Amino acid sequence: MYHPEALDPIVAFLRGIGMQVEYGEGGRDGFLPGVNIHAGAIHVDPETLKGPGDLLHEAGHIIVMPRQYWPLLNRNVQTDIDNILAEQTARDGVADPLLTRAARQGEFMSQAWSYAAVQHLGLPQECLFFPGSYQYHEYEGTHPMQAWIEQGTHFGLINLAQAGFTGYAGMFAYMGDNGLAPFPQMAKWTWD
């Protein structure tokens, strides 16, 4: 596992923002090695986990949803979010903008949210951005996804700002001012 020393602080952080985190075999067979989602709870198997930042990334998919929907999220969180949005739209006749953002921009939001969490915890970004993470197996220097975020052009930054998690930053700083400190400082870690 890359940066095993980051696992305990990440788990404590996730539990501190109200997420359920369980250790054991439930972390196997997830979307990412060593981490799985069951009914909105993060399950981690340290024996097969590639990097503790993967917990943050999967948690990021959950936090872009209002808490009432967390128990409906499982291994394939994107499919679950799409299904929740479809059911809500069919019921109400119009798509909820929060659910639409989670369905369409959740991957970007999760990436940026994870980066901000690593910064907040004072951990090395390499616990999130390691060889093989985000489908980048070979690169020189800074991980390409980390560089995209740090250049201020990553789409997660504007989506987190528009959702009220953080202030506008990077090239998106010219697109609005919500009165919050700029990314990666976070005003909140979950919708509610």
Protein backbone atom coordinates (compact mmCIF):
# COMPACT_ATOMS: atom_id res chain seq x y z
CA MET A 1 0.00 0.00 0.00
CA TYR A 2 1.25 3.47 -0.84
CA HIS A 3 1.53 5.69 2.27
CA PRO A 4 0.00 3.31 4.86
CA GLU A 5 0.62 5.95 7.54
CA ALA A 6 -2.20 8.02 6.01
CA LEU A 7 -4.87 5.35 6.54
CA ASP A 8 -5.69 6.03 10.20
CA PRO A 9 -5.93 9.84 9.83
CA ILE A 10 -8.15 9.44 6.76
CA VAL A 11 -10.46 6.99 8.52
CA ALA A 12 -10.66 9.30 11.56
CA PHE A 13 -11.47 12.25 9.30
CA LEU A 14 -14.23 10.36 7.48
CA ARG A 15 -15.76 9.19 10.73
CA GLY A 16 -15.49 12.74 12.06
CA ILE A 17 -17.66 14.09 9.22
CA GLY A 18 -20.29 11.44 9.90
CA MET A 19 -19.33 8.67 7.51
CA GLN A 20 -19.40 5.07 8.60
CA VAL A 21 -16.09 3.27 7.94
CA GLU A 22 -15.63 -0.45 8.60
CA TYR A 23 -12.50 -2.60 8.34
CA GLY A 24 -12.59 -6.13 6.98
CA GLU A 25 -13.43 -8.32 4.03
CA GLY A 26 -16.35 -6.06 3.07
CA GLY A 27 -13.70 -3.88 1.41
CA ARG A 28 -12.99 -6.55 -1.18
CA ASP A 29 -14.56 -6.64 -4.63
CA GLY A 30 -15.16 -2.91 -4.69
CA PHE A 31 -14.88 -0.55 -7.59
CA LEU A 32 -11.31 0.13 -6.42
CA PRO A 33 -9.09 -2.53 -4.78
CA GLY A 34 -9.52 -2.70 -1.02
CA VAL A 35 -12.42 -0.25 -0.73
CA ASN A 36 -16.11 -0.85 -1.23
CA ILE A 37 -19.39 0.88 -0.46
CA HIS A 38 -22.30 -0.95 1.19
CA ALA A 39 -25.46 1.03 2.00
CA GLY A 40 -23.51 4.30 2.16
CA ALA A 41 -20.80 2.92 4.45
CA ILE A 42 -17.16 2.74 3.37
CA HIS A 43 -15.61 -0.70 3.83
CA VAL A 44 -11.84 -1.04 3.69
CA ASP A 45 -9.58 -4.06 3.48
CA PRO A 46 -6.06 -2.80 4.30
CA GLU A 47 -4.55 -6.00 2.89
CA THR A 48 -5.73 -5.23 -0.67
CA LEU A 49 -5.95 -1.42 -0.54
CA LYS A 50 -3.56 0.26 -2.99
CA GLY A 51 -3.59 3.69 -1.36
CA PRO A 52 -5.56 5.22 1.53
CA GLY A 53 -6.53 8.15 -0.68
CA ASP A 54 -8.87 5.77 -2.49
CA LEU A 55 -11.09 5.90 0.62
CA LEU A 56 -11.33 9.66 0.20
CA HIS A 57 -12.16 9.34 -3.47
CA GLU A 58 -14.98 6.86 -2.84
CA ALA A 59 -16.20 8.97 0.10
CA GLY A 60 -16.20 11.97 -2.23
CA HIS A 61 -18.79 10.23 -4.39
CA ILE A 62 -21.00 9.82 -1.33
CA ILE A 63 -20.63 13.36 0.01
CA VAL A 64 -21.80 14.95 -3.24
CA MET A 65 -25.22 13.51 -2.36
CA PRO A 66 -27.52 14.78 0.38
CA ARG A 67 -27.16 12.52 3.45
CA GLN A 68 -30.69 11.12 3.10
CA TYR A 69 -29.51 9.23 0.00
CA TRP A 70 -26.33 7.75 1.47
CA PRO A 71 -27.96 4.43 2.51
CA LEU A 72 -28.93 3.87 -1.15
CA LEU A 73 -25.33 3.98 -2.38
CA ASN A 74 -23.37 0.80 -2.99
CA ARG A 75 -20.43 -0.61 -4.99
CA ASN A 76 -21.35 1.05 -8.28
CA VAL A 77 -22.10 4.45 -6.81
CA GLN A 78 -22.46 6.20 -10.19
CA THR A 79 -25.21 3.80 -11.27
CA ASP A 80 -26.92 4.26 -7.91
CA ILE A 81 -26.79 8.06 -8.23
CA ASP A 82 -28.16 7.88 -11.77
CA ASN A 83 -31.02 5.65 -10.55
CA ILE A 84 -31.83 7.99 -7.64
CA LEU A 85 -31.94 10.94 -10.05
CA ALA A 86 -34.18 9.05 -12.49
CA GLU A 87 -36.59 8.03 -9.71
CA GLN A 88 -36.68 11.55 -8.26
CA THR A 89 -37.28 13.09 -11.70
CA ALA A 90 -40.06 10.61 -12.51
CA ARG A 91 -41.70 11.29 -9.14
CA ASP A 92 -41.40 15.10 -9.13
CA GLY A 93 -41.53 15.82 -12.85
CA VAL A 94 -38.33 17.88 -12.76
CA ALA A 95 -34.74 16.95 -11.97
CA ASP A 96 -33.34 18.11 -8.63
CA PRO A 97 -30.28 20.30 -9.42
CA LEU A 98 -28.29 18.83 -6.50
CA LEU A 99 -28.84 15.29 -7.73
CA THR A 100 -28.15 16.33 -11.32
CA ARG A 101 -24.81 17.84 -10.28
CA ALA A 102 -23.91 14.68 -8.36
CA ALA A 103 -24.82 12.50 -11.35
CA ARG A 104 -23.04 14.59 -13.99
CA GLN A 105 -20.10 16.12 -12.11
CA GLY A 106 -19.63 13.75 -9.16
CA GLU A 107 -16.38 12.26 -10.44
CA PHE A 108 -14.76 15.69 -10.76
CA MET A 109 -16.18 16.82 -7.42
CA SER A 110 -14.87 13.68 -5.73
CA GLN A 111 -11.38 14.22 -7.14
CA ALA A 112 -11.19 17.83 -5.99
CA TRP A 113 -12.85 17.08 -2.64
CA SER A 114 -10.28 14.34 -2.00
CA TYR A 115 -7.43 16.70 -2.83
CA ALA A 116 -8.81 19.28 -0.37
CA ALA A 117 -9.20 16.63 2.34
CA VAL A 118 -5.58 15.51 1.93
CA GLN A 119 -4.46 19.16 2.20
CA HIS A 120 -6.66 19.66 5.28
CA LEU A 121 -5.15 16.61 6.96
CA GLY A 122 -1.59 17.69 6.15
CA LEU A 123 -0.88 14.43 4.34
CA PRO A 124 1.20 14.02 1.20
CA GLN A 125 -0.85 14.20 -2.00
CA GLU A 126 0.92 10.99 -3.05
CA CYS A 127 -1.41 9.05 -0.75
CA LEU A 128 -4.16 10.04 -3.20
CA PHE A 129 -2.19 10.40 -6.42
CA PHE A 130 0.04 7.34 -6.72
CA PRO A 131 1.12 5.27 -9.74
CA GLY A 132 -1.99 3.60 -11.15
CA SER A 133 -4.47 5.94 -9.51
CA TYR A 134 -6.94 7.61 -11.83
CA GLN A 135 -5.68 5.32 -14.64
CA TYR A 136 -2.26 7.00 -14.76
CA HIS A 137 0.33 4.23 -14.50
CA GLU A 138 3.42 5.96 -15.86
CA TYR A 139 4.28 9.63 -15.56
CA GLU A 140 7.19 11.82 -14.60
CA GLY A 141 7.02 14.33 -11.78
CA THR A 142 3.62 15.34 -10.43
CA HIS A 143 0.68 13.01 -11.03
CA PRO A 144 -1.34 14.43 -13.98
CA MET A 145 -4.61 14.62 -12.00
CA GLN A 146 -2.90 16.44 -9.15
CA ALA A 147 -1.33 18.86 -11.64
CA TRP A 148 -4.74 19.53 -13.22
CA ILE A 149 -6.22 20.43 -9.85
CA GLU A 150 -3.23 22.56 -8.84
CA GLN A 151 -3.32 24.44 -12.16
CA GLY A 152 -6.84 25.57 -11.22
CA THR A 153 -8.51 24.26 -14.37
CA HIS A 154 -10.03 21.05 -12.96
CA PHE A 155 -13.84 21.02 -13.23
CA GLY A 156 -14.27 19.83 -9.65
CA LEU A 157 -13.21 23.24 -8.35
CA ILE A 158 -16.09 25.14 -9.95
CA ASN A 159 -18.63 22.46 -9.08
CA LEU A 160 -17.63 22.43 -5.42
CA ALA A 161 -17.79 26.25 -5.39
CA GLN A 162 -21.20 26.34 -7.07
CA ALA A 163 -22.43 23.80 -4.52
CA GLY A 164 -21.22 25.94 -1.60
CA PHE A 165 -18.48 23.62 -0.38
CA THR A 166 -15.69 26.14 -1.06
CA GLY A 167 -14.93 29.42 -2.76
CA TYR A 168 -14.08 29.93 -6.40
CA ALA A 169 -10.42 29.38 -7.29
CA GLY A 170 -8.05 29.05 -10.21
CA MET A 171 -9.39 30.13 -13.57
CA PHE A 172 -12.89 29.85 -12.09
CA ALA A 173 -12.20 32.71 -9.65
CA TYR A 174 -13.49 35.08 -12.32
CA MET A 175 -16.80 33.25 -12.60
CA GLY A 176 -18.28 34.18 -9.27
CA ASP A 177 -17.87 35.01 -5.63
CA ASN A 178 -19.86 33.05 -3.09
CA GLY A 179 -18.12 34.72 -0.14
CA LEU A 180 -16.21 31.57 0.83
CA ALA A 181 -12.45 31.11 1.11
CA PRO A 182 -11.06 29.73 -2.15
CA PHE A 183 -10.37 26.06 -2.84
CA PRO A 184 -8.74 24.02 -1.33
CA GLN A 185 -10.13 25.56 1.87
CA MET A 186 -13.52 24.02 2.52
CA ALA A 187 -16.49 25.67 4.21
CA LYS A 188 -18.15 22.28 4.66
CA TRP A 189 -17.29 18.66 3.95
CA THR A 190 -20.78 17.27 3.30
CA TRP A 191 -24.01 18.62 1.82
CA ASP A 192 -25.75 18.53 5.17
